[in-house]
Each structure stands twice: as structure tokens, then as C-alpha cells.
N, C-alpha and C. Protein backbone atom coordinates (compact mmCIF):
# COMPACT_ATOMS: atom_id res chain seq x y z
N MET A 1 -2.77 10.84 -4.87
CA MET A 1 -2.51 9.34 -5.11
C MET A 1 -2.66 9.59 -6.70
N SER A 2 -1.78 8.81 -7.37
CA SER A 2 -1.89 8.57 -8.95
C SER A 2 -2.83 7.61 -9.38
N GLU A 3 -2.99 7.60 -10.49
CA GLU A 3 -4.19 6.82 -11.19
C GLU A 3 -3.84 5.50 -10.85
N TYR A 4 -2.23 5.11 -10.97
CA TYR A 4 -2.10 3.78 -10.59
C TYR A 4 -2.57 3.25 -9.01
N GLN A 5 -2.07 4.01 -8.04
CA GLN A 5 -2.29 3.75 -6.74
C GLN A 5 -3.91 3.83 -6.75
N THR A 6 -4.67 4.55 -7.28
CA THR A 6 -6.07 4.36 -7.12
C THR A 6 -6.62 3.23 -7.75
N TRP A 7 -6.01 2.84 -8.78
CA TRP A 7 -6.74 1.74 -9.45
C TRP A 7 -6.44 0.43 -8.47
N LEU A 8 -5.27 0.23 -8.19
CA LEU A 8 -4.59 -0.88 -7.15
C LEU A 8 -5.41 -0.99 -5.85
N ALA A 9 -5.65 0.40 -5.19
CA ALA A 9 -6.51 0.31 -4.10
C ALA A 9 -7.65 -0.07 -4.28
N GLU A 10 -8.32 0.23 -5.49
CA GLU A 10 -9.74 -0.01 -5.64
C GLU A 10 -9.71 -1.68 -5.97
N TRP A 11 -8.85 -2.21 -6.74
CA TRP A 11 -8.52 -3.68 -7.08
C TRP A 11 -8.45 -4.25 -5.65
N PHE A 12 -7.62 -3.94 -4.66
CA PHE A 12 -7.46 -4.53 -3.54
C PHE A 12 -8.70 -4.55 -2.55
N SER A 13 -9.31 -3.37 -2.65
CA SER A 13 -10.56 -3.22 -1.89
C SER A 13 -11.76 -4.31 -2.32
N ALA A 14 -11.73 -4.58 -3.85
CA ALA A 14 -12.63 -5.41 -4.19
C ALA A 14 -12.26 -6.75 -4.18
N GLN A 15 -11.02 -7.29 -3.99
CA GLN A 15 -10.49 -8.39 -3.58
C GLN A 15 -10.58 -8.71 -2.32
N ALA A 16 -10.14 -7.98 -1.46
CA ALA A 16 -10.08 -8.36 -0.07
C ALA A 16 -10.63 -7.08 0.74
N PRO A 17 -12.14 -7.31 0.66
CA PRO A 17 -12.82 -6.04 1.50
C PRO A 17 -12.48 -5.87 2.87
N ASP A 18 -11.98 -7.01 3.51
CA ASP A 18 -11.96 -6.93 5.07
C ASP A 18 -10.74 -6.79 5.43
N VAL A 19 -9.46 -6.37 4.43
CA VAL A 19 -8.34 -5.90 4.65
C VAL A 19 -7.85 -4.57 4.76
N SER A 20 -7.54 -3.60 5.65
CA SER A 20 -7.25 -2.45 5.48
C SER A 20 -5.69 -2.40 4.99
N LEU A 21 -5.64 -1.67 3.65
CA LEU A 21 -4.27 -1.74 3.10
C LEU A 21 -3.69 -0.33 2.81
N ALA A 22 -2.78 0.25 3.52
CA ALA A 22 -2.34 1.57 3.04
C ALA A 22 -1.39 1.19 1.87
N PRO A 23 -1.06 2.53 1.38
CA PRO A 23 -0.11 2.47 0.03
C PRO A 23 1.21 1.85 0.16
N GLN A 24 1.74 1.99 1.32
CA GLN A 24 3.31 1.50 1.61
C GLN A 24 3.21 0.00 2.36
N ASP A 25 1.90 -0.29 2.76
CA ASP A 25 2.02 -1.55 3.34
C ASP A 25 2.19 -2.86 2.29
N ASN A 26 3.14 -3.62 3.02
CA ASN A 26 3.35 -5.06 2.19
C ASN A 26 2.09 -5.89 2.14
N PHE A 27 1.67 -5.86 0.97
CA PHE A 27 0.31 -6.43 0.73
C PHE A 27 0.37 -8.26 0.87
N PHE A 28 1.78 -8.71 0.70
CA PHE A 28 1.93 -10.18 0.88
C PHE A 28 2.06 -10.39 2.84
N ASP A 29 2.66 -9.69 3.40
CA ASP A 29 2.55 -9.67 4.83
C ASP A 29 1.17 -9.52 5.36
N ILE A 30 0.70 -8.63 5.03
CA ILE A 30 -0.57 -8.68 5.53
C ILE A 30 -1.66 -9.55 5.12
N GLY A 31 -1.52 -10.32 4.30
CA GLY A 31 -2.32 -11.47 3.75
C GLY A 31 -3.40 -11.07 2.75
N ALA A 32 -3.28 -9.74 2.17
CA ALA A 32 -4.06 -9.43 1.34
C ALA A 32 -4.26 -9.84 0.05
N ILE A 33 -3.15 -10.56 -0.33
CA ILE A 33 -3.31 -11.40 -1.56
C ILE A 33 -2.45 -12.70 -1.42
N ASP A 34 -2.87 -13.57 -2.19
CA ASP A 34 -2.22 -15.08 -2.22
C ASP A 34 -1.47 -15.21 -3.59
N SER A 35 -0.75 -16.11 -3.81
CA SER A 35 -0.02 -16.61 -5.09
C SER A 35 -1.01 -16.53 -6.09
N PHE A 36 -2.32 -16.94 -5.94
CA PHE A 36 -3.24 -17.14 -7.02
C PHE A 36 -3.83 -15.50 -7.27
N GLY A 37 -3.92 -14.92 -6.39
CA GLY A 37 -4.25 -13.48 -6.41
C GLY A 37 -3.37 -12.67 -7.16
N VAL A 38 -1.83 -13.01 -7.09
CA VAL A 38 -0.90 -12.36 -7.79
C VAL A 38 -0.94 -12.47 -8.93
N ILE A 39 -1.28 -13.78 -9.59
CA ILE A 39 -1.65 -14.22 -10.93
C ILE A 39 -2.97 -13.14 -11.39
N GLU A 40 -4.04 -13.23 -10.95
CA GLU A 40 -5.23 -12.18 -11.09
C GLU A 40 -4.70 -10.64 -11.15
N LEU A 41 -4.07 -10.30 -10.18
CA LEU A 41 -3.56 -8.94 -10.34
C LEU A 41 -2.85 -8.64 -11.49
N ILE A 42 -1.75 -9.62 -11.67
CA ILE A 42 -1.01 -9.38 -13.06
C ILE A 42 -1.86 -9.41 -14.26
N GLU A 43 -2.71 -10.14 -14.19
CA GLU A 43 -3.54 -10.24 -15.64
C GLU A 43 -4.49 -8.83 -15.47
N ALA A 44 -4.90 -8.56 -14.53
CA ALA A 44 -5.88 -7.55 -14.71
C ALA A 44 -5.20 -6.03 -14.75
N ALA A 45 -3.78 -5.90 -14.22
CA ALA A 45 -3.03 -4.53 -14.50
C ALA A 45 -2.61 -4.92 -15.94
N GLU A 46 -2.11 -5.72 -16.34
CA GLU A 46 -1.55 -5.76 -17.77
C GLU A 46 -2.80 -5.52 -18.98
N ASP A 47 -4.10 -5.83 -18.54
CA ASP A 47 -4.92 -5.41 -19.42
C ASP A 47 -5.53 -3.97 -19.09
N ALA A 48 -5.43 -3.68 -17.85
CA ALA A 48 -6.06 -2.21 -17.68
C ALA A 48 -5.00 -1.29 -18.13
N PHE A 49 -3.81 -1.62 -18.33
CA PHE A 49 -2.92 -0.40 -18.64
C PHE A 49 -1.90 -1.02 -19.83
N ASP A 50 -2.38 -2.03 -20.16
CA ASP A 50 -1.73 -2.20 -21.72
C ASP A 50 -0.16 -2.33 -21.68
N ILE A 51 0.15 -3.15 -20.46
CA ILE A 51 1.75 -3.14 -20.47
C ILE A 51 1.73 -4.59 -20.22
N ARG A 52 2.99 -5.50 -20.27
CA ARG A 52 3.45 -6.43 -19.79
C ARG A 52 4.61 -6.43 -18.78
N PHE A 53 4.46 -7.18 -17.50
CA PHE A 53 5.45 -7.23 -16.60
C PHE A 53 6.35 -8.48 -17.14
N SER A 54 7.76 -8.02 -16.77
CA SER A 54 8.75 -9.07 -17.15
C SER A 54 9.38 -9.60 -15.74
N ASN A 55 9.84 -10.82 -15.85
CA ASN A 55 10.58 -11.43 -14.68
C ASN A 55 11.07 -10.68 -13.74
N ASP A 56 11.76 -9.59 -14.25
CA ASP A 56 12.81 -8.52 -13.33
C ASP A 56 11.77 -8.04 -12.49
N ASP A 57 10.52 -7.58 -12.87
CA ASP A 57 9.58 -6.70 -12.37
C ASP A 57 8.94 -7.63 -10.92
N PHE A 58 8.81 -8.87 -11.05
CA PHE A 58 8.45 -9.55 -10.16
C PHE A 58 9.61 -9.77 -8.82
N GLN A 59 10.87 -9.60 -9.16
CA GLN A 59 11.78 -9.56 -8.38
C GLN A 59 12.01 -8.18 -7.64
N ASP A 60 11.55 -7.40 -8.31
CA ASP A 60 11.76 -5.71 -7.98
C ASP A 60 11.01 -5.77 -6.37
N ARG A 61 11.68 -5.31 -5.37
CA ARG A 61 11.35 -5.27 -4.00
C ARG A 61 10.23 -4.28 -3.70
N ARG A 62 9.86 -3.49 -4.88
CA ARG A 62 8.71 -2.54 -4.62
C ARG A 62 7.54 -3.33 -5.10
N PHE A 63 7.43 -4.62 -5.78
CA PHE A 63 6.54 -5.35 -6.03
C PHE A 63 5.75 -5.87 -4.69
N SER A 64 5.45 -5.11 -3.82
CA SER A 64 5.00 -5.79 -2.55
C SER A 64 3.95 -4.53 -2.05
N SER A 65 3.87 -3.61 -2.38
CA SER A 65 2.92 -2.46 -1.86
C SER A 65 2.38 -1.93 -3.15
N ILE A 66 1.20 -1.16 -2.56
CA ILE A 66 0.44 -0.41 -3.40
C ILE A 66 1.28 0.67 -4.29
N ALA A 67 1.95 1.60 -3.34
CA ALA A 67 2.87 2.40 -3.77
C ALA A 67 3.98 1.99 -4.81
N GLY A 68 4.61 1.14 -3.96
CA GLY A 68 5.70 0.28 -5.22
C GLY A 68 5.23 -0.01 -6.44
N LEU A 69 4.18 -0.48 -6.31
CA LEU A 69 3.58 -1.52 -7.80
C LEU A 69 3.07 -0.34 -8.47
N ALA A 70 2.59 0.66 -7.90
CA ALA A 70 2.11 2.06 -8.87
C ALA A 70 3.38 2.49 -9.47
N GLU A 71 4.44 2.60 -8.74
CA GLU A 71 5.67 3.16 -9.41
C GLU A 71 6.09 2.21 -10.60
N ILE A 72 6.40 1.11 -10.47
CA ILE A 72 6.35 0.27 -11.65
C ILE A 72 5.60 0.24 -12.70
N LEU A 73 4.40 0.07 -12.51
CA LEU A 73 3.17 0.61 -13.65
C LEU A 73 3.54 1.91 -14.27
N SER A 74 3.92 2.73 -13.49
CA SER A 74 4.23 4.02 -14.13
C SER A 74 5.41 4.04 -15.09
N GLU A 75 6.31 3.37 -14.60
CA GLU A 75 7.78 3.14 -15.67
C GLU A 75 7.40 2.35 -16.58
N LYS A 76 6.42 1.51 -16.50
CA LYS A 76 6.00 0.23 -17.71
C LYS A 76 5.33 1.21 -18.69
N LYS A 77 4.18 1.99 -18.35
CA LYS A 77 3.63 2.67 -19.16
C LYS A 77 4.72 3.60 -19.79
N SER A 78 5.63 4.29 -19.05
CA SER A 78 6.37 5.80 -19.77
C SER A 78 7.21 4.79 -20.80
N ASP A 79 7.75 3.44 -20.38
CA ASP A 79 8.71 2.88 -21.32
C ASP A 79 8.04 2.48 -22.42
N ALA A 80 6.61 2.19 -22.33
CA ALA A 80 5.59 1.83 -23.82
C ALA A 80 5.58 2.85 -24.53
N VAL A 81 5.36 4.02 -24.02
CA VAL A 81 4.97 5.28 -24.62
C VAL A 81 6.29 5.83 -25.48
N SER A 82 7.31 5.51 -24.82
CA SER A 82 8.48 6.07 -25.43
C SER A 82 9.03 5.14 -26.71
N VAL A 83 8.62 3.98 -26.67
CA VAL A 83 9.12 2.80 -27.69
C VAL A 83 8.56 3.25 -28.84
């Protein structure tokens, strides 16, 4: 599990302790997060990893699971380092 997956799993565990969420599960479909929770998740991830999401990131189909969001975070961090 990547550092991003670990961080996301811990974040979801703290926010929705009664929900069992595997890395590939769609966290919207399972009900692990609502629209307000998405805002909290975005702010927490941006602060934790010193990145900024773009509107395109929110449209990315991967922005629905821990594994997918971890990939986006990894790409954002790589882009930030190479700039």
C-alpha cells in the first residue's frame, strides 16, 4: 500500500469508522463520504501533501476510490516536484 493509500485509508477510517472500505471500492457508492466530506477530504489532502487539485481532477473517474485517488495524489506530487 502506498503512502497515499495509507493516508487515505486512515482518513476514511477516522471519518467513517463504521464503513468497511477496500482500496478499489467506490467511496461514493458505499456512502463513506458525502458532498461536505469531499470538501473536507480535498482540504486535508491538499494540506497533507502540499498539492492543489484542479477541476479536471474532480472529473477523473479515479476520484472515487482510495486506490484511484492515491494515483492522482502521486501524479500531483510528481508534477509539483518536477516543476
